[in-house]
């Protein structure tokens, strides 16, 4: 059986979709790691019966979380709305075993501070004709790892940032679990 861990900072909708997708398949979500004690993902994890480890910046920077992660020994680490930069020590410990979902077509609208509504606001402000999602390997820099998958959708002149976010979430929920499956089982 393959094992993954998920890192999340927010509502956890992608974590839930991943759990639903793999419910009857040979994959175990070993744990969800969360850096935000108010995040919705904590309640989702409890409802789904997935252990959730809430941690603080000191535990993260000191290497304690890396040590726990190494003990979990996951086949893949999935960043699903996790907002902190991944330290080089994590990347070195799990080369090509960490993936992230970004809510835009990288390299556009990536980098520090470009997450969630910030991305969607920028897409609308720049009057982009399309946007999408990017799933990529994680390296030591925000949104610069090798791209695994991109999916796009049209942005209409009348679209708001909320419209763009909704379109993107449809792609996220469909493709993120599929990409995880391909990486682990192909």
C-alpha atoms as a PDB file:
ATOM      1  CA  UNK A   1       0.000   0.000   0.000  1.00  0.00           C
ATOM      2  CA  UNK A   2       1.261   3.468  -0.931  1.00  0.00           C
ATOM      3  CA  UNK A   3       1.299   6.226   1.688  1.00  0.00           C
ATOM      4  CA  UNK A   4       1.029   9.965   1.345  1.00  0.00           C
ATOM      5  CA  UNK A   5       0.988  12.864   3.739  1.00  0.00           C
ATOM      6  CA  UNK A   6      -0.723  16.148   3.016  1.00  0.00           C
ATOM      7  CA  UNK A   7       0.383  19.605   4.124  1.00  0.00           C
ATOM      8  CA  UNK A   8      -2.404  22.212   4.259  1.00  0.00           C
ATOM      9  CA  UNK A   9      -3.008  25.657   5.721  1.00  0.00           C
ATOM     10  CA  UNK A  10      -6.625  26.365   4.796  1.00  0.00           C
ATOM     11  CA  UNK A  11     -10.046  24.853   4.323  1.00  0.00           C
ATOM     12  CA  UNK A  12      -8.835  21.474   3.130  1.00  0.00           C
ATOM     13  CA  UNK A  13     -11.159  21.009   0.160  1.00  0.00           C
ATOM     14  CA  UNK A  14      -8.371  19.468  -1.923  1.00  0.00           C
ATOM     15  CA  UNK A  15      -7.345  17.187   0.951  1.00  0.00           C
ATOM     16  CA  UNK A  16     -10.939  16.000   1.187  1.00  0.00           C
ATOM     17  CA  UNK A  17     -11.195  15.391  -2.575  1.00  0.00           C
ATOM     18  CA  UNK A  18      -7.963  13.399  -2.463  1.00  0.00           C
ATOM     19  CA  UNK A  19      -9.291  11.310   0.443  1.00  0.00           C
ATOM     20  CA  UNK A  20     -12.575  10.670  -1.393  1.00  0.00           C
ATOM     21  CA  UNK A  21     -10.796   9.734  -4.621  1.00  0.00           C
ATOM     22  CA  UNK A  22      -8.559   7.175  -2.915  1.00  0.00           C
ATOM     23  CA  UNK A  23     -11.176   5.830  -0.487  1.00  0.00           C
ATOM     24  CA  UNK A  24     -11.329   2.366  -2.049  1.00  0.00           C
ATOM     25  CA  UNK A  25      -7.858   2.286  -3.588  1.00  0.00           C
ATOM     26  CA  UNK A  26      -4.492   1.111  -2.311  1.00  0.00           C
ATOM     27  CA  UNK A  27      -3.452   4.429  -0.832  1.00  0.00           C
ATOM     28  CA  UNK A  28      -3.318   5.560   2.776  1.00  0.00           C
ATOM     29  CA  UNK A  29      -3.279   9.198   3.817  1.00  0.00           C
ATOM     30  CA  UNK A  30      -0.950   8.711   6.759  1.00  0.00           C
ATOM     31  CA  UNK A  31      -1.405  12.183   8.200  1.00  0.00           C
ATOM     32  CA  UNK A  32      -2.305  15.761   7.454  1.00  0.00           C
ATOM     33  CA  UNK A  33       0.185  18.365   8.653  1.00  0.00           C
ATOM     34  CA  UNK A  34      -1.265  21.809   9.289  1.00  0.00           C
ATOM     35  CA  UNK A  35       0.447  25.047  10.302  1.00  0.00           C
ATOM     36  CA  UNK A  36      -2.757  26.969  11.045  1.00  0.00           C
ATOM     37  CA  UNK A  37      -4.630  26.047  14.246  1.00  0.00           C
ATOM     38  CA  UNK A  38      -7.811  27.704  12.884  1.00  0.00           C
ATOM     39  CA  UNK A  39      -7.741  25.951   9.491  1.00  0.00           C
ATOM     40  CA  UNK A  40     -10.840  24.173   8.259  1.00  0.00           C
ATOM     41  CA  UNK A  41      -8.717  21.204   7.198  1.00  0.00           C
ATOM     42  CA  UNK A  42      -8.470  20.152  10.857  1.00  0.00           C
ATOM     43  CA  UNK A  43     -12.215  19.501  11.132  1.00  0.00           C
ATOM     44  CA  UNK A  44     -12.227  17.821   7.712  1.00  0.00           C
ATOM     45  CA  UNK A  45      -9.399  15.517   8.783  1.00  0.00           C
ATOM     46  CA  UNK A  46     -11.288  14.564  11.944  1.00  0.00           C
ATOM     47  CA  UNK A  47     -14.482  13.879   9.979  1.00  0.00           C
ATOM     48  CA  UNK A  48     -12.496  11.756   7.488  1.00  0.00           C
ATOM     49  CA  UNK A  49     -10.677   9.854  10.245  1.00  0.00           C
ATOM     50  CA  UNK A  50      -7.242  11.086   9.147  1.00  0.00           C
ATOM     51  CA  UNK A  51      -4.749  12.015  11.883  1.00  0.00           C
ATOM     52  CA  UNK A  52      -3.901  15.711  11.804  1.00  0.00           C
ATOM     53  CA  UNK A  53      -0.702  17.188  13.230  1.00  0.00           C
ATOM     54  CA  UNK A  54      -0.942  20.918  13.919  1.00  0.00           C
ATOM     55  CA  UNK A  55       2.476  22.519  14.278  1.00  0.00           C
ATOM     56  CA  UNK A  56       4.060  25.912  14.766  1.00  0.00           C
ATOM     57  CA  UNK A  57       6.902  27.731  13.039  1.00  0.00           C
ATOM     58  CA  UNK A  58       9.471  26.719  15.669  1.00  0.00           C
ATOM     59  CA  UNK A  59       8.676  23.004  15.246  1.00  0.00           C
ATOM     60  CA  UNK A  60       8.948  23.481  11.488  1.00  0.00           C
ATOM     61  CA  UNK A  61      12.238  25.380  11.491  1.00  0.00           C
ATOM     62  CA  UNK A  62      13.896  23.244  14.170  1.00  0.00           C
ATOM     63  CA  UNK A  63      13.595  20.068  12.112  1.00  0.00           C
ATOM     64  CA  UNK A  64      11.052  18.410  14.393  1.00  0.00           C
ATOM     65  CA  UNK A  65       8.452  18.189  11.624  1.00  0.00           C
ATOM     66  CA  UNK A  66      11.039  16.857   9.176  1.00  0.00           C
ATOM     67  CA  UNK A  67      11.959  14.166  11.692  1.00  0.00           C
ATOM     68  CA  UNK A  68       8.287  13.186  12.106  1.00  0.00           C
ATOM     69  CA  UNK A  69       7.828  13.221   8.357  1.00  0.00           C
ATOM     70  CA  UNK A  70      10.793  10.907   7.881  1.00  0.00           C
ATOM     71  CA  UNK A  71       9.287   8.542  10.477  1.00  0.00           C
ATOM     72  CA  UNK A  72       6.020   8.537   8.479  1.00  0.00           C
ATOM     73  CA  UNK A  73       8.070   7.477   5.433  1.00  0.00           C
ATOM     74  CA  UNK A  74       5.547   8.598   2.810  1.00  0.00           C
ATOM     75  CA  UNK A  75       5.762   7.667  -0.846  1.00  0.00           C
ATOM     76  CA  UNK A  76       4.623  11.191  -1.711  1.00  0.00           C
ATOM     77  CA  UNK A  77       4.191  14.502   0.118  1.00  0.00           C
ATOM     78  CA  UNK A  78       1.314  16.573  -1.202  1.00  0.00           C
ATOM     79  CA  UNK A  79       1.091  20.318  -0.589  1.00  0.00           C
ATOM     80  CA  UNK A  80      -2.588  21.200  -0.853  1.00  0.00           C
ATOM     81  CA  UNK A  81      -2.887  24.857   0.011  1.00  0.00           C
ATOM     82  CA  UNK A  82       0.181  24.934   2.251  1.00  0.00           C
ATOM     83  CA  UNK A  83       1.507  28.479   2.437  1.00  0.00           C
ATOM     84  CA  UNK A  84       4.988  28.257   3.965  1.00  0.00           C
ATOM     85  CA  UNK A  85       8.173  27.887   1.960  1.00  0.00           C
ATOM     86  CA  UNK A  86       9.542  24.344   2.096  1.00  0.00           C
ATOM     87  CA  UNK A  87      13.066  24.278   3.584  1.00  0.00           C
ATOM     88  CA  UNK A  88      15.935  22.830   1.562  1.00  0.00           C
ATOM     89  CA  UNK A  89      16.315  20.074   4.186  1.00  0.00           C
ATOM     90  CA  UNK A  90      12.828  18.748   3.311  1.00  0.00           C
ATOM     91  CA  UNK A  91      13.530  18.848  -0.421  1.00  0.00           C
ATOM     92  CA  UNK A  92      16.848  17.047   0.068  1.00  0.00           C
ATOM     93  CA  UNK A  93      15.243  14.394   2.298  1.00  0.00           C
ATOM     94  CA  UNK A  94      12.440  13.748  -0.220  1.00  0.00           C
ATOM     95  CA  UNK A  95      13.803  14.491  -3.710  1.00  0.00           C
ATOM     96  CA  UNK A  96      11.042  14.380  -6.350  1.00  0.00           C
ATOM     97  CA  UNK A  97       8.613  13.145  -3.716  1.00  0.00           C
ATOM     98  CA  UNK A  98       6.945  16.480  -2.940  1.00  0.00           C
ATOM     99  CA  UNK A  99       4.315  18.068  -5.141  1.00  0.00           C
ATOM    100  CA  UNK A 100       2.349  21.293  -4.957  1.00  0.00           C
ATOM    101  CA  UNK A 101      -0.777  22.627  -6.586  1.00  0.00           C
ATOM    102  CA  UNK A 102      -0.665  26.274  -7.670  1.00  0.00           C
ATOM    103  CA  UNK A 103      -3.868  28.070  -8.731  1.00  0.00           C
ATOM    104  CA  UNK A 104      -2.457  29.617 -11.918  1.00  0.00           C
ATOM    105  CA  UNK A 105      -0.565  28.695 -15.054  1.00  0.00           C
ATOM    106  CA  UNK A 106       3.036  28.999 -13.895  1.00  0.00           C
ATOM    107  CA  UNK A 107       5.315  30.769 -14.439  1.00  0.00           C
ATOM    108  CA  UNK A 108       2.642  33.487 -14.449  1.00  0.00           C
ATOM    109  CA  UNK A 109       1.359  34.610 -11.056  1.00  0.00           C
ATOM    110  CA  UNK A 110       3.772  32.524  -8.984  1.00  0.00           C
ATOM    111  CA  UNK A 111       6.204  33.292  -6.202  1.00  0.00           C
ATOM    112  CA  UNK A 112       6.074  34.641  -2.675  1.00  0.00           C
ATOM    113  CA  UNK A 113       2.705  36.109  -1.772  1.00  0.00           C
ATOM    114  CA  UNK A 114       0.969  34.624  -4.808  1.00  0.00           C
ATOM    115  CA  UNK A 115      -1.588  32.284  -3.314  1.00  0.00           C
ATOM    116  CA  UNK A 116      -5.367  32.044  -3.140  1.00  0.00           C
ATOM    117  CA  UNK A 117      -7.247  35.250  -3.812  1.00  0.00           C
ATOM    118  CA  UNK A 118      -4.003  37.137  -4.525  1.00  0.00           C
ATOM    119  CA  UNK A 119      -3.531  34.999  -7.629  1.00  0.00           C
ATOM    120  CA  UNK A 120      -7.131  35.341  -8.790  1.00  0.00           C
ATOM    121  CA  UNK A 121      -7.147  39.105  -8.181  1.00  0.00           C
ATOM    122  CA  UNK A 122      -3.973  39.422 -10.295  1.00  0.00           C
ATOM    123  CA  UNK A 123      -5.428  37.318 -13.121  1.00  0.00           C
ATOM    124  CA  UNK A 124      -8.476  39.591 -13.301  1.00  0.00           C
ATOM    125  CA  UNK A 125      -6.427  42.795 -12.926  1.00  0.00           C
ATOM    126  CA  UNK A 126      -4.133  41.733 -15.776  1.00  0.00           C
ATOM    127  CA  UNK A 127      -7.187  40.963 -17.950  1.00  0.00           C
ATOM    128  CA  UNK A 128      -5.905  37.472 -18.703  1.00  0.00           C
ATOM    129  CA  UNK A 129      -7.879  35.500 -21.278  1.00  0.00           C
ATOM    130  CA  UNK A 130      -7.096  32.195 -19.575  1.00  0.00           C
ATOM    131  CA  UNK A 131      -5.896  30.859 -16.282  1.00  0.00           C
ATOM    132  CA  UNK A 132      -5.658  27.424 -14.759  1.00  0.00           C
ATOM    133  CA  UNK A 133      -3.774  25.233 -12.366  1.00  0.00           C
ATOM    134  CA  UNK A 134      -0.238  23.924 -12.206  1.00  0.00           C
ATOM    135  CA  UNK A 135       0.882  20.829 -10.335  1.00  0.00           C
ATOM    136  CA  UNK A 136       4.647  20.798  -9.902  1.00  0.00           C
ATOM    137  CA  UNK A 137       7.453  19.208  -7.957  1.00  0.00           C
ATOM    138  CA  UNK A 138       8.607  21.243  -4.970  1.00  0.00           C
ATOM    139  CA  UNK A 139      12.051  22.758  -4.723  1.00  0.00           C
ATOM    140  CA  UNK A 140      13.533  25.365  -2.369  1.00  0.00           C
ATOM    141  CA  UNK A 141      11.767  28.269  -4.127  1.00  0.00           C
ATOM    142  CA  UNK A 142       8.110  29.202  -4.338  1.00  0.00           C
ATOM    143  CA  UNK A 143       6.488  27.766  -7.469  1.00  0.00           C
ATOM    144  CA  UNK A 144       9.701  27.032  -9.390  1.00  0.00           C
ATOM    145  CA  UNK A 145       9.806  23.219  -9.370  1.00  0.00           C
ATOM    146  CA  UNK A 146       9.443  21.163 -12.539  1.00  0.00           C
ATOM    147  CA  UNK A 147       5.904  21.186 -13.896  1.00  0.00           C
ATOM    148  CA  UNK A 148       4.030  17.874 -13.877  1.00  0.00           C
ATOM    149  CA  UNK A 149       0.617  19.004 -15.150  1.00  0.00           C
ATOM    150  CA  UNK A 150      -1.219  22.132 -16.228  1.00  0.00           C
ATOM    151  CA  UNK A 151      -4.912  22.542 -16.938  1.00  0.00           C
ATOM    152  CA  UNK A 152      -6.537  25.720 -18.193  1.00  0.00           C
ATOM    153  CA  UNK A 153      -9.907  27.414 -18.487  1.00  0.00           C
ATOM    154  CA  UNK A 154     -11.080  30.618 -20.195  1.00  0.00           C
ATOM    155  CA  UNK A 155     -11.335  33.846 -18.229  1.00  0.00           C
ATOM    156  CA  UNK A 156     -14.203  35.952 -19.495  1.00  0.00           C
ATOM    157  CA  UNK A 157     -14.099  39.774 -19.407  1.00  0.00           C
ATOM    158  CA  UNK A 158     -17.037  39.655 -16.972  1.00  0.00           C
ATOM    159  CA  UNK A 159     -15.342  37.175 -14.576  1.00  0.00           C
ATOM    160  CA  UNK A 160     -14.591  38.309 -11.050  1.00  0.00           C
ATOM    161  CA  UNK A 161     -11.756  36.914  -8.942  1.00  0.00           C
ATOM    162  CA  UNK A 162     -14.353  34.658  -7.269  1.00  0.00           C
ATOM    163  CA  UNK A 163     -15.421  33.331 -10.685  1.00  0.00           C
ATOM    164  CA  UNK A 164     -11.793  32.599 -11.546  1.00  0.00           C
ATOM    165  CA  UNK A 165     -11.300  30.853  -8.192  1.00  0.00           C
ATOM    166  CA  UNK A 166     -14.394  28.690  -8.735  1.00  0.00           C
ATOM    167  CA  UNK A 167     -13.279  27.620 -12.202  1.00  0.00           C
ATOM    168  CA  UNK A 168      -9.849  26.767 -10.862  1.00  0.00           C
ATOM    169  CA  UNK A 169     -11.219  24.736  -7.985  1.00  0.00           C
ATOM    170  CA  UNK A 170     -13.147  22.531 -10.401  1.00  0.00           C
ATOM    171  CA  UNK A 171      -9.859  21.688 -12.153  1.00  0.00           C
ATOM    172  CA  UNK A 172      -8.033  21.221  -8.843  1.00  0.00           C
ATOM    173  CA  UNK A 173     -10.570  18.713  -7.523  1.00  0.00           C
ATOM    174  CA  UNK A 174     -10.589  16.758 -10.773  1.00  0.00           C
ATOM    175  CA  UNK A 175      -6.893  16.660 -11.650  1.00  0.00           C
ATOM    176  CA  UNK A 176      -4.963  16.720  -8.366  1.00  0.00           C
ATOM    177  CA  UNK A 177      -6.018  13.195  -7.302  1.00  0.00           C
ATOM    178  CA  UNK A 178      -5.448  11.886 -10.844  1.00  0.00           C
ATOM    179  CA  UNK A 179      -1.898  13.263 -10.935  1.00  0.00           C
ATOM    180  CA  UNK A 180      -1.166  11.744  -7.518  1.00  0.00           C
ATOM    181  CA  UNK A 181      -2.415   8.390  -8.773  1.00  0.00           C
ATOM    182  CA  UNK A 182      -0.238   8.554 -11.911  1.00  0.00           C
ATOM    183  CA  UNK A 183       2.848   9.477  -9.904  1.00  0.00           C
ATOM    184  CA  UNK A 184       2.346   6.625  -7.440  1.00  0.00           C
ATOM    185  CA  UNK A 185       0.984   3.838  -9.585  1.00  0.00           C
ATOM    186  CA  UNK A 186       2.443   4.308 -13.091  1.00  0.00           C
END
